[in-house]
PDB file of N, CA and C in Angstrom:
ATOM      1  N   MET A   1    -121.995 -16.879 128.432  1.00  0.00           N
ATOM      2  CA  MET A   1    -121.618 -15.898 127.433  1.00  0.00           C
ATOM      3  C   MET A   1    -122.788 -15.573 126.523  1.00  0.00           C
ATOM      4  N   GLN A   2    -123.485 -16.603 126.017  1.00  0.00           N
ATOM      5  CA  GLN A   2    -124.567 -16.347 125.085  1.00  0.00           C
ATOM      6  C   GLN A   2    -125.730 -15.612 125.761  1.00  0.00           C
ATOM      7  N   SER A   3    -126.033 -15.939 127.025  1.00  0.00           N
ATOM      8  CA  SER A   3    -127.131 -15.260 127.699  1.00  0.00           C
ATOM      9  C   SER A   3    -126.831 -13.787 127.907  1.00  0.00           C
ATOM     10  N   ILE A   4    -125.567 -13.436 128.072  1.00  0.00           N
ATOM     11  CA  ILE A   4    -125.188 -12.030 128.198  1.00  0.00           C
ATOM     12  C   ILE A   4    -125.477 -11.295 126.896  1.00  0.00           C
ATOM     13  N   ILE A   5    -125.189 -11.924 125.786  1.00  0.00           N
ATOM     14  CA  ILE A   5    -125.432 -11.314 124.482  1.00  0.00           C
ATOM     15  C   ILE A   5    -126.933 -11.131 124.266  1.00  0.00           C
ATOM     16  N   VAL A   6    -127.728 -12.121 124.591  1.00  0.00           N
ATOM     17  CA  VAL A   6    -129.173 -12.037 124.407  1.00  0.00           C
ATOM     18  C   VAL A   6    -129.745 -10.925 125.276  1.00  0.00           C
ATOM     19  N   GLU A   7    -129.334 -10.851 126.521  1.00  0.00           N
ATOM     20  CA  GLU A   7    -129.838  -9.828 127.434  1.00  0.00           C
ATOM     21  C   GLU A   7    -129.513  -8.419 126.933  1.00  0.00           C
ATOM     22  N   ALA A   8    -128.401  -8.251 126.263  1.00  0.00           N
ATOM     23  CA  ALA A   8    -127.993  -6.928 125.792  1.00  0.00           C
ATOM     24  C   ALA A   8    -128.923  -6.381 124.716  1.00  0.00           C
ATOM     25  N   PHE A   9    -129.638  -7.252 124.005  1.00  0.00           N
ATOM     26  CA  PHE A   9    -130.482  -6.807 122.901  1.00  0.00           C
ATOM     27  C   PHE A   9    -131.973  -6.825 123.232  1.00  0.00           C
ATOM     28  N   ARG A  10    -132.347  -7.155 124.453  1.00  0.00           N
ATOM     29  CA  ARG A  10    -133.762  -7.192 124.807  1.00  0.00           C
ATOM     30  C   ARG A  10    -134.349  -5.788 124.834  1.00  0.00           C
ATOM     31  N   GLY A  11    -135.586  -5.686 124.372  1.00  0.00           N
ATOM     32  CA  GLY A  11    -136.302  -4.415 124.431  1.00  0.00           C
ATOM     33  C   GLY A  11    -135.912  -3.408 123.372  1.00  0.00           C
ATOM     34  N   GLN A  12    -135.169  -3.812 122.361  1.00  0.00           N
ATOM     35  CA  GLN A  12    -134.729  -2.880 121.330  1.00  0.00           C
ATOM     36  C   GLN A  12    -135.501  -3.048 120.021  1.00  0.00           C
ATOM     37  N   ALA A  13    -136.592  -3.797 120.037  1.00  0.00           N
ATOM     38  CA  ALA A  13    -137.454  -3.994 118.857  1.00  0.00           C
ATOM     39  C   ALA A  13    -136.684  -4.568 117.675  1.00  0.00           C
ATOM     40  N   ILE A  14    -135.843  -5.548 117.933  1.00  0.00           N
ATOM     41  CA  ILE A  14    -135.069  -6.187 116.864  1.00  0.00           C
ATOM     42  C   ILE A  14    -135.946  -7.172 116.090  1.00  0.00           C
ATOM     43  N   MET A  15    -136.835  -7.880 116.780  1.00  0.00           N
ATOM     44  CA  MET A  15    -137.658  -8.879 116.108  1.00  0.00           C
ATOM     45  C   MET A  15    -138.533  -8.277 115.001  1.00  0.00           C
ATOM     46  N   PRO A  16    -139.272  -7.189 115.267  1.00  0.00           N
ATOM     47  CA  PRO A  16    -140.078  -6.624 114.179  1.00  0.00           C
ATOM     48  C   PRO A  16    -139.233  -6.174 112.991  1.00  0.00           C
ATOM     49  N   CYS A  17    -138.075  -5.633 113.272  1.00  0.00           N
ATOM     50  CA  CYS A  17    -137.182  -5.198 112.192  1.00  0.00           C
ATOM     51  C   CYS A  17    -136.723  -6.398 111.370  1.00  0.00           C
ATOM     52  N   ALA A  18    -136.349  -7.466 112.044  1.00  0.00           N
ATOM     53  CA  ALA A  18    -135.890  -8.667 111.338  1.00  0.00           C
ATOM     54  C   ALA A  18    -137.023  -9.282 110.516  1.00  0.00           C
ATOM     55  N   MET A  19    -138.220  -9.349 111.078  1.00  0.00           N
ATOM     56  CA  MET A  19    -139.356  -9.914 110.350  1.00  0.00           C
ATOM     57  C   MET A  19    -139.700  -9.070 109.127  1.00  0.00           C
ATOM     58  N   ALA A  20    -139.650  -7.763 109.279  1.00  0.00           N
ATOM     59  CA  ALA A  20    -139.937  -6.879 108.149  1.00  0.00           C
ATOM     60  C   ALA A  20    -138.894  -7.046 107.043  1.00  0.00           C
ATOM     61  N   ARG A  21    -137.624  -7.186 107.422  1.00  0.00           N
ATOM     62  CA  ARG A  21    -136.570  -7.374 106.424  1.00  0.00           C
ATOM     63  C   ARG A  21    -136.713  -8.712 105.704  1.00  0.00           C
ATOM     64  N   ILE A  22    -137.109  -9.752 106.427  1.00  0.00           N
ATOM     65  CA  ILE A  22    -137.334 -11.055 105.795  1.00  0.00           C
ATOM     66  C   ILE A  22    -138.472 -10.945 104.781  1.00  0.00           C
ATOM     67  N   ALA A  23    -139.542 -10.244 105.150  1.00  0.00           N
ATOM     68  CA  ALA A  23    -140.663 -10.062 104.235  1.00  0.00           C
ATOM     69  C   ALA A  23    -140.231  -9.263 103.006  1.00  0.00           C
ATOM     70  N   GLU A  24    -139.393  -8.254 103.186  1.00  0.00           N
ATOM     71  CA  GLU A  24    -138.892  -7.459 102.056  1.00  0.00           C
ATOM     72  C   GLU A  24    -138.052  -8.319 101.120  1.00  0.00           C
ATOM     73  N   LYS A  25    -137.196  -9.156 101.687  1.00  0.00           N
ATOM     74  CA  LYS A  25    -136.369 -10.051 100.865  1.00  0.00           C
ATOM     75  C   LYS A  25    -137.248 -10.999 100.060  1.00  0.00           C
ATOM     76  N   GLY A  26    -138.330 -11.464 100.663  1.00  0.00           N
ATOM     77  CA  GLY A  26    -139.265 -12.318  99.941  1.00  0.00           C
ATOM     78  C   GLY A  26    -139.859 -11.593  98.747  1.00  0.00           C
ATOM     79  N   GLY A  27    -140.163 -10.324  98.922  1.00  0.00           N
ATOM     80  CA  GLY A  27    -140.690  -9.528  97.816  1.00  0.00           C
ATOM     81  C   GLY A  27    -139.687  -9.382  96.683  1.00  0.00           C
ATOM     82  N   ASP A  28    -138.409  -9.335  97.025  1.00  0.00           N
ATOM     83  CA  ASP A  28    -137.361  -9.221  96.002  1.00  0.00           C
ATOM     84  C   ASP A  28    -137.295 -10.464  95.109  1.00  0.00           C
ATOM     85  N   ILE A  29    -137.691 -11.621  95.647  1.00  0.00           N
ATOM     86  CA  ILE A  29    -137.619 -12.849  94.845  1.00  0.00           C
ATOM     87  C   ILE A  29    -138.992 -13.284  94.328  1.00  0.00           C
ATOM     88  N   GLY A  30    -139.996 -12.402  94.490  1.00  0.00           N
ATOM     89  CA  GLY A  30    -141.300 -12.677  93.907  1.00  0.00           C
ATOM     90  C   GLY A  30    -142.325 -13.312  94.820  1.00  0.00           C
ATOM     91  N   VAL A  31    -142.061 -13.356  96.118  1.00  0.00           N
ATOM     92  CA  VAL A  31    -143.027 -13.920  97.057  1.00  0.00           C
ATOM     93  C   VAL A  31    -144.158 -12.912  97.268  1.00  0.00           C
ATOM     94  N   ARG A  32    -145.393 -13.386  97.192  1.00  0.00           N
ATOM     95  CA  ARG A  32    -146.539 -12.489  97.354  1.00  0.00           C
ATOM     96  C   ARG A  32    -147.039 -12.417  98.788  1.00  0.00           C
ATOM     97  N   TRP A  33    -146.930 -13.510  99.523  1.00  0.00           N
ATOM     98  CA  TRP A  33    -147.462 -13.559 100.882  1.00  0.00           C
ATOM     99  C   TRP A  33    -146.430 -14.143 101.842  1.00  0.00           C
ATOM    100  N   VAL A  34    -146.435 -13.663 103.068  1.00  0.00           N
ATOM    101  CA  VAL A  34    -145.590 -14.217 104.127  1.00  0.00           C
ATOM    102  C   VAL A  34    -146.515 -14.550 105.289  1.00  0.00           C
ATOM    103  N   ILE A  35    -146.449 -15.779 105.746  1.00  0.00           N
ATOM    104  CA  ILE A  35    -147.261 -16.211 106.883  1.00  0.00           C
ATOM    105  C   ILE A  35    -146.321 -16.671 107.989  1.00  0.00           C
ATOM    106  N   ALA A  36    -146.523 -16.133 109.175  1.00  0.00           N
ATOM    107  CA  ALA A  36    -145.727 -16.514 110.342  1.00  0.00           C
ATOM    108  C   ALA A  36    -146.678 -17.073 111.395  1.00  0.00           C
ATOM    109  N   PHE A  37    -146.354 -18.219 111.956  1.00  0.00           N
ATOM    110  CA  PHE A  37    -147.158 -18.800 113.017  1.00  0.00           C
ATOM    111  C   PHE A  37    -146.476 -18.532 114.345  1.00  0.00           C
ATOM    112  N   VAL A  38    -147.212 -17.916 115.257  1.00  0.00           N
ATOM    113  CA  VAL A  38    -146.678 -17.525 116.562  1.00  0.00           C
ATOM    114  C   VAL A  38    -147.625 -18.045 117.633  1.00  0.00           C
ATOM    115  N   ASN A  39    -147.065 -18.520 118.725  1.00  0.00           N
ATOM    116  CA  ASN A  39    -147.880 -19.006 119.836  1.00  0.00           C
ATOM    117  C   ASN A  39    -148.696 -17.847 120.403  1.00  0.00           C
ATOM    118  N   HIS A  40    -150.011 -18.021 120.473  1.00  0.00           N
ATOM    119  CA  HIS A  40    -150.881 -16.960 120.957  1.00  0.00           C
ATOM    120  C   HIS A  40    -150.694 -16.669 122.444  1.00  0.00           C
ATOM    121  N   LYS A  41    -149.997 -17.526 123.148  1.00  0.00           N
ATOM    122  CA  LYS A  41    -149.742 -17.313 124.571  1.00  0.00           C
ATOM    123  C   LYS A  41    -148.440 -16.550 124.810  1.00  0.00           C
ATOM    124  N   ASN A  42    -147.791 -16.097 123.744  1.00  0.00           N
ATOM    125  CA  ASN A  42    -146.542 -15.357 123.858  1.00  0.00           C
ATOM    126  C   ASN A  42    -146.780 -13.911 123.415  1.00  0.00           C
ATOM    127  N   PRO A  43    -147.173 -13.030 124.351  1.00  0.00           N
ATOM    128  CA  PRO A  43    -147.523 -11.659 123.963  1.00  0.00           C
ATOM    129  C   PRO A  43    -146.359 -10.883 123.351  1.00  0.00           C
ATOM    130  N   ALA A  44    -145.139 -11.158 123.772  1.00  0.00           N
ATOM    131  CA  ALA A  44    -143.993 -10.441 123.207  1.00  0.00           C
ATOM    132  C   ALA A  44    -143.839 -10.751 121.722  1.00  0.00           C
ATOM    133  N   ALA A  45    -143.987 -12.020 121.354  1.00  0.00           N
ATOM    134  CA  ALA A  45    -143.882 -12.400 119.945  1.00  0.00           C
ATOM    135  C   ALA A  45    -145.046 -11.835 119.143  1.00  0.00           C
ATOM    136  N   MET A  46    -146.229 -11.829 119.739  1.00  0.00           N
ATOM    137  CA  MET A  46    -147.395 -11.272 119.052  1.00  0.00           C
ATOM    138  C   MET A  46    -147.226  -9.778 118.810  1.00  0.00           C
ATOM    139  N   LYS A  47    -146.702  -9.071 119.784  1.00  0.00           N
ATOM    140  CA  LYS A  47    -146.477  -7.630 119.613  1.00  0.00           C
ATOM    141  C   LYS A  47    -145.412  -7.380 118.557  1.00  0.00           C
ATOM    142  N   GLY A  48    -144.407  -8.232 118.511  1.00  0.00           N
ATOM    143  CA  GLY A  48    -143.379  -8.113 117.473  1.00  0.00           C
ATOM    144  C   GLY A  48    -143.963  -8.302 116.087  1.00  0.00           C
ATOM    145  N   CYS A  49    -144.890  -9.245 115.955  1.00  0.00           N
ATOM    146  CA  CYS A  49    -145.555  -9.461 114.662  1.00  0.00           C
ATOM    147  C   CYS A  49    -146.372  -8.242 114.266  1.00  0.00           C
ATOM    148  N   LYS A  50    -147.068  -7.663 115.235  1.00  0.00           N
ATOM    149  CA  LYS A  50    -147.881  -6.485 114.925  1.00  0.00           C
ATOM    150  C   LYS A  50    -146.988  -5.325 114.487  1.00  0.00           C
ATOM    151  N   ARG A  51    -145.890  -5.120 115.200  1.00  0.00           N
ATOM    152  CA  ARG A  51    -144.976  -4.028 114.842  1.00  0.00           C
ATOM    153  C   ARG A  51    -144.342  -4.238 113.474  1.00  0.00           C
ATOM    154  N   ALA A  52    -144.189  -5.490 113.062  1.00  0.00           N
ATOM    155  CA  ALA A  52    -143.603  -5.792 111.750  1.00  0.00           C
ATOM    156  C   ALA A  52    -144.624  -5.645 110.629  1.00  0.00           C
ATOM    157  N   GLY A  53    -145.899  -5.426 110.986  1.00  0.00           N
ATOM    158  CA  GLY A  53    -146.909  -5.212 109.972  1.00  0.00           C
ATOM    159  C   GLY A  53    -147.769  -6.427 109.666  1.00  0.00           C
ATOM    160  N   PHE A  54    -147.606  -7.498 110.421  1.00  0.00           N
ATOM    161  CA  PHE A  54    -148.426  -8.689 110.216  1.00  0.00           C
ATOM    162  C   PHE A  54    -149.774  -8.490 110.898  1.00  0.00           C
ATOM    163  N   SER A  55    -150.782  -9.217 110.427  1.00  0.00           N
ATOM    164  CA  SER A  55    -152.097  -9.174 111.061  1.00  0.00           C
ATOM    165  C   SER A  55    -152.622 -10.606 111.183  1.00  0.00           C
ATOM    166  N   PRO A  56    -153.494 -10.866 112.174  1.00  0.00           N
ATOM    167  CA  PRO A  56    -154.037 -12.218 112.334  1.00  0.00           C
ATOM    168  C   PRO A  56    -154.784 -12.662 111.083  1.00  0.00           C
ATOM    169  N   TYR A  57    -154.502 -13.886 110.650  1.00  0.00           N
ATOM    170  CA  TYR A  57    -155.057 -14.383 109.394  1.00  0.00           C
ATOM    171  C   TYR A  57    -155.638 -15.790 109.563  1.00  0.00           C
ATOM    172  N   LEU A  58    -154.891 -16.669 110.203  1.00  0.00           N
ATOM    173  CA  LEU A  58    -155.307 -18.056 110.408  1.00  0.00           C
ATOM    174  C   LEU A  58    -155.092 -18.448 111.856  1.00  0.00           C
ATOM    175  N   LEU A  59    -155.897 -19.382 112.303  1.00  0.00           N
ATOM    176  CA  LEU A  59    -155.674 -20.011 113.599  1.00  0.00           C
ATOM    177  C   LEU A  59    -155.227 -21.432 113.315  1.00  0.00           C
ATOM    178  N   ARG A  60    -154.078 -21.808 113.839  1.00  0.00           N
ATOM    179  CA  ARG A  60    -153.524 -23.150 113.613  1.00  0.00           C
ATOM    180  C   ARG A  60    -153.684 -23.958 114.890  1.00  0.00           C
ATOM    181  N   ARG A  61    -154.380 -25.081 114.779  1.00  0.00           N
ATOM    182  CA  ARG A  61    -154.558 -25.981 115.916  1.00  0.00           C
ATOM    183  C   ARG A  61    -153.900 -27.312 115.598  1.00  0.00           C
ATOM    184  N   GLU A  62    -153.112 -27.772 116.540  1.00  0.00           N
ATOM    185  CA  GLU A  62    -152.433 -29.057 116.379  1.00  0.00           C
ATOM    186  C   GLU A  62    -152.872 -29.976 117.503  1.00  0.00           C
ATOM    187  N   THR A  63    -153.355 -31.154 117.149  1.00  0.00           N
ATOM    188  CA  THR A  63    -153.766 -32.143 118.144  1.00  0.00           C
ATOM    189  C   THR A  63    -153.073 -33.469 117.849  1.00  0.00           C
ATOM    190  N   TRP A  64    -152.889 -34.253 118.905  1.00  0.00           N
ATOM    191  CA  TRP A  64    -152.263 -35.567 118.781  1.00  0.00           C
ATOM    192  C   TRP A  64    -153.222 -36.613 119.320  1.00  0.00           C
ATOM    193  N   ARG A  65    -153.369 -37.696 118.578  1.00  0.00           N
ATOM    194  CA  ARG A  65    -154.171 -38.826 119.033  1.00  0.00           C
ATOM    195  C   ARG A  65    -153.552 -40.101 118.481  1.00  0.00           C
ATOM    196  N   LEU A  66    -153.241 -41.013 119.382  1.00  0.00           N
ATOM    197  CA  LEU A  66    -152.622 -42.288 119.013  1.00  0.00           C
ATOM    198  C   LEU A  66    -151.385 -42.074 118.141  1.00  0.00           C
ATOM    199  N   PHE A  67    -150.531 -41.167 118.548  1.00  0.00           N
ATOM    200  CA  PHE A  67    -149.257 -40.874 117.891  1.00  0.00           C
ATOM    201  C   PHE A  67    -149.414 -40.305 116.479  1.00  0.00           C
ATOM    202  N   ARG A  68    -150.581 -39.780 116.185  1.00  0.00           N
ATOM    203  CA  ARG A  68    -150.800 -39.130 114.891  1.00  0.00           C
ATOM    204  C   ARG A  68    -151.115 -37.662 115.121  1.00  0.00           C
ATOM    205  N   ARG A  69    -150.455 -36.842 114.359  1.00  0.00           N
ATOM    206  CA  ARG A  69    -150.661 -35.407 114.475  1.00  0.00           C
ATOM    207  C   ARG A  69    -151.728 -34.949 113.488  1.00  0.00           C
ATOM    208  N   ARG A  70    -152.581 -34.087 113.959  1.00  0.00           N
ATOM    209  CA  ARG A  70    -153.607 -33.503 113.094  1.00  0.00           C
ATOM    210  C   ARG A  70    -153.494 -31.986 113.210  1.00  0.00           C
ATOM    211  N   VAL A  71    -153.366 -31.312 112.079  1.00  0.00           N
ATOM    212  CA  VAL A  71    -153.262 -29.861 112.049  1.00  0.00           C
ATOM    213  C   VAL A  71    -154.467 -29.314 111.304  1.00  0.00           C
ATOM    214  N   VAL A  72    -155.154 -28.373 111.945  1.00  0.00           N
ATOM    215  CA  VAL A  72    -156.339 -27.756 111.351  1.00  0.00           C
ATOM    216  C   VAL A  72    -156.106 -26.250 111.282  1.00  0.00           C
ATOM    217  N   PHE A  73    -156.373 -25.667 110.126  1.00  0.00           N
ATOM    218  CA  PHE A  73    -156.256 -24.232 109.936  1.00  0.00           C
ATOM    219  C   PHE A  73    -157.651 -23.636 109.808  1.00  0.00           C
ATOM    220  N   THR A  74    -157.941 -22.641 110.629  1.00  0.00           N
ATOM    221  CA  THR A  74    -159.232 -21.980 110.599  1.00  0.00           C
ATOM    222  C   THR A  74    -159.021 -20.519 110.191  1.00  0.00           C
ATOM    223  N   PRO A  75    -159.634 -20.087 109.089  1.00  0.00           N
ATOM    224  CA  PRO A  75    -159.492 -18.675 108.705  1.00  0.00           C
ATOM    225  C   PRO A  75    -160.158 -17.764 109.729  1.00  0.00           C
ATOM    226  N   LEU A  76    -159.543 -16.630 109.985  1.00  0.00           N
ATOM    227  CA  LEU A  76    -160.102 -15.644 110.908  1.00  0.00           C
ATOM    228  C   LEU A  76    -160.757 -14.524 110.103  1.00  0.00           C
ATOM    229  N   PRO A  77    -161.805 -13.914 110.630  1.00  0.00           N
ATOM    230  CA  PRO A  77    -162.421 -12.796 109.928  1.00  0.00           C
ATOM    231  C   PRO A  77    -161.440 -11.625 109.820  1.00  0.00           C
ATOM    232  N   GLU A  78    -161.554 -10.869 108.753  1.00  0.00           N
ATOM    233  CA  GLU A  78    -160.668  -9.720 108.566  1.00  0.00           C
ATOM    234  C   GLU A  78    -160.890  -8.722 109.692  1.00  0.00           C
ATOM    235  N   GLY A  79    -159.810  -8.182 110.194  1.00  0.00           N
ATOM    236  CA  GLY A  79    -159.890  -7.219 111.287  1.00  0.00           C
ATOM    237  C   GLY A  79    -159.875  -7.852 112.659  1.00  0.00           C
ATOM    238  N   THR A  80    -159.602  -9.146 112.753  1.00  0.00           N
ATOM    239  CA  THR A  80    -159.525  -9.823 114.045  1.00  0.00           C
ATOM    240  C   THR A  80    -158.391  -9.220 114.862  1.00  0.00           C
ATOM    241  N   PRO A  81    -158.675  -8.783 116.099  1.00  0.00           N
ATOM    242  CA  PRO A  81    -157.602  -8.185 116.908  1.00  0.00           C
ATOM    243  C   PRO A  81    -156.672  -9.254 117.468  1.00  0.00           C
ATOM    244  N   TYR A  82    -155.484  -8.820 117.863  1.00  0.00           N
ATOM    245  CA  TYR A  82    -154.535  -9.701 118.532  1.00  0.00           C
ATOM    246  C   TYR A  82    -155.058 -10.017 119.930  1.00  0.00           C
ATOM    247  N   PRO A  83    -154.699 -11.174 120.500  1.00  0.00           N
ATOM    248  CA  PRO A  83    -155.167 -11.518 121.850  1.00  0.00           C
ATOM    249  C   PRO A  83    -154.771 -10.489 122.902  1.00  0.00           C
ATOM    250  N   PHE A  84    -153.582  -9.895 122.797  1.00  0.00           N
ATOM    251  CA  PHE A  84    -153.175  -8.917 123.806  1.00  0.00           C
ATOM    252  C   PHE A  84    -154.001  -7.632 123.691  1.00  0.00           C
ATOM    253  N   GLU A  85    -154.544  -7.342 122.509  1.00  0.00           N
ATOM    254  CA  GLU A  85    -155.423  -6.177 122.363  1.00  0.00           C
ATOM    255  C   GLU A  85    -156.760  -6.427 123.049  1.00  0.00           C
ATOM    256  N   LEU A  86    -157.252  -7.656 122.958  1.00  0.00           N
ATOM    257  CA  LEU A  86    -158.504  -8.008 123.635  1.00  0.00           C
ATOM    258  C   LEU A  86    -158.356  -7.882 125.145  1.00  0.00           C
ATOM    259  N   ALA A  87    -157.213  -8.336 125.671  1.00  0.00           N
ATOM    260  CA  ALA A  87    -156.973  -8.253 127.111  1.00  0.00           C
ATOM    261  C   ALA A  87    -156.919  -6.799 127.556  1.00  0.00           C
ATOM    262  N   ALA A  88    -156.303  -5.943 126.754  1.00  0.00           N
ATOM    263  CA  ALA A  88    -156.208  -4.526 127.101  1.00  0.00           C
ATOM    264  C   ALA A  88    -157.592  -3.875 127.084  1.00  0.00           C
ATOM    265  N   ARG A  89    -158.444  -4.271 126.145  1.00  0.00           N
ATOM    266  CA  ARG A  89    -159.793  -3.707 126.073  1.00  0.00           C
ATOM    267  C   ARG A  89    -160.621  -4.079 127.294  1.00  0.00           C
ATOM    268  N   THR A  90    -160.540  -5.344 127.716  1.00  0.00           N
ATOM    269  CA  THR A  90    -161.344  -5.773 128.862  1.00  0.00           C
ATOM    270  C   THR A  90    -160.821  -5.149 130.151  1.00  0.00           C
ATOM    271  N   GLU A  91    -159.512  -4.967 130.257  1.00  0.00           N
ATOM    272  CA  GLU A  91    -158.954  -4.346 131.454  1.00  0.00           C
ATOM    273  C   GLU A  91    -159.342  -2.881 131.538  1.00  0.00           C
ATOM    274  N   SER A  92    -159.333  -2.178 130.403  1.00  0.00           N
ATOM    275  CA  SER A  92    -159.643  -0.747 130.428  1.00  0.00           C
ATOM    276  C   SER A  92    -161.135  -0.499 130.612  1.00  0.00           C
ATOM    277  N   SER A  93    -161.989  -1.450 130.246  1.00  0.00           N
ATOM    278  CA  SER A  93    -163.429  -1.246 130.382  1.00  0.00           C
ATOM    279  C   SER A  93    -163.920  -1.548 131.795  1.00  0.00           C
ATOM    280  N   GLU A  94    -163.135  -2.273 132.580  1.00  0.00           N
ATOM    281  CA  GLU A  94    -163.522  -2.576 133.943  1.00  0.00           C
ATOM    282  C   GLU A  94    -163.215  -1.381 134.836  1.00  0.00           C
ATOM    283  N   PRO A  95    -164.102  -1.073 135.778  1.00  0.00           N
ATOM    284  CA  PRO A  95    -163.807   0.042 136.679  1.00  0.00           C
ATOM    285  C   PRO A  95    -162.646  -0.310 137.597  1.00  0.00           C
ATOM    286  N   ALA A  96    -161.928   0.699 137.994  1.00  0.00           N
ATOM    287  CA  ALA A  96    -160.791   0.501 138.875  1.00  0.00           C
ATOM    288  C   ALA A  96    -161.293   0.072 140.262  1.00  0.00           C
ATOM    289  N   PRO A  97    -160.568  -0.828 140.912  1.00  0.00           N
ATOM    290  CA  PRO A  97    -161.007  -1.268 142.248  1.00  0.00           C
ATOM    291  C   PRO A  97    -160.871  -0.115 143.236  1.00  0.00           C
ATOM    292  N   THR A  98    -161.799  -0.045 144.176  1.00  0.00           N
ATOM    293  CA  THR A  98    -161.752   1.001 145.182  1.00  0.00           C
ATOM    294  C   THR A  98    -161.597   0.373 146.552  1.00  0.00           C
ATOM    295  N   ARG A  99    -161.001   1.123 147.440  1.00  0.00           N
ATOM    296  CA  ARG A  99    -160.846   0.652 148.823  1.00  0.00           C
ATOM    297  C   ARG A  99    -161.948   1.247 149.668  1.00  0.00           C
ATOM    298  N   THR A 100    -162.417   0.470 150.606  1.00  0.00           N
ATOM    299  CA  THR A 100    -163.449   0.983 151.492  1.00  0.00           C
ATOM    300  C   THR A 100    -162.965   1.026 152.898  1.00  0.00           C
TER     301      THR A 100
END
């Protein structure tokens, strides 16, 4: 039953709308910044963040050693593109394969 409900809403850009509304609600209570951490290997989530108006800001790395977690945040330069934008640039710059 639940999977039927989820499938019915795919592709309707609900995530960016929800993220934007959450950010607006934060503004109503005085929040100045909203930071969302998304797995860089999930292009759908990254595109949803872009559509909601978010931009890359920090890189979060989590490592484990001897049952201890270490989290490191690395600031990104302003204007850093999303990973899926980089992939699109490299694909479009390569010549199309030809048959011989």
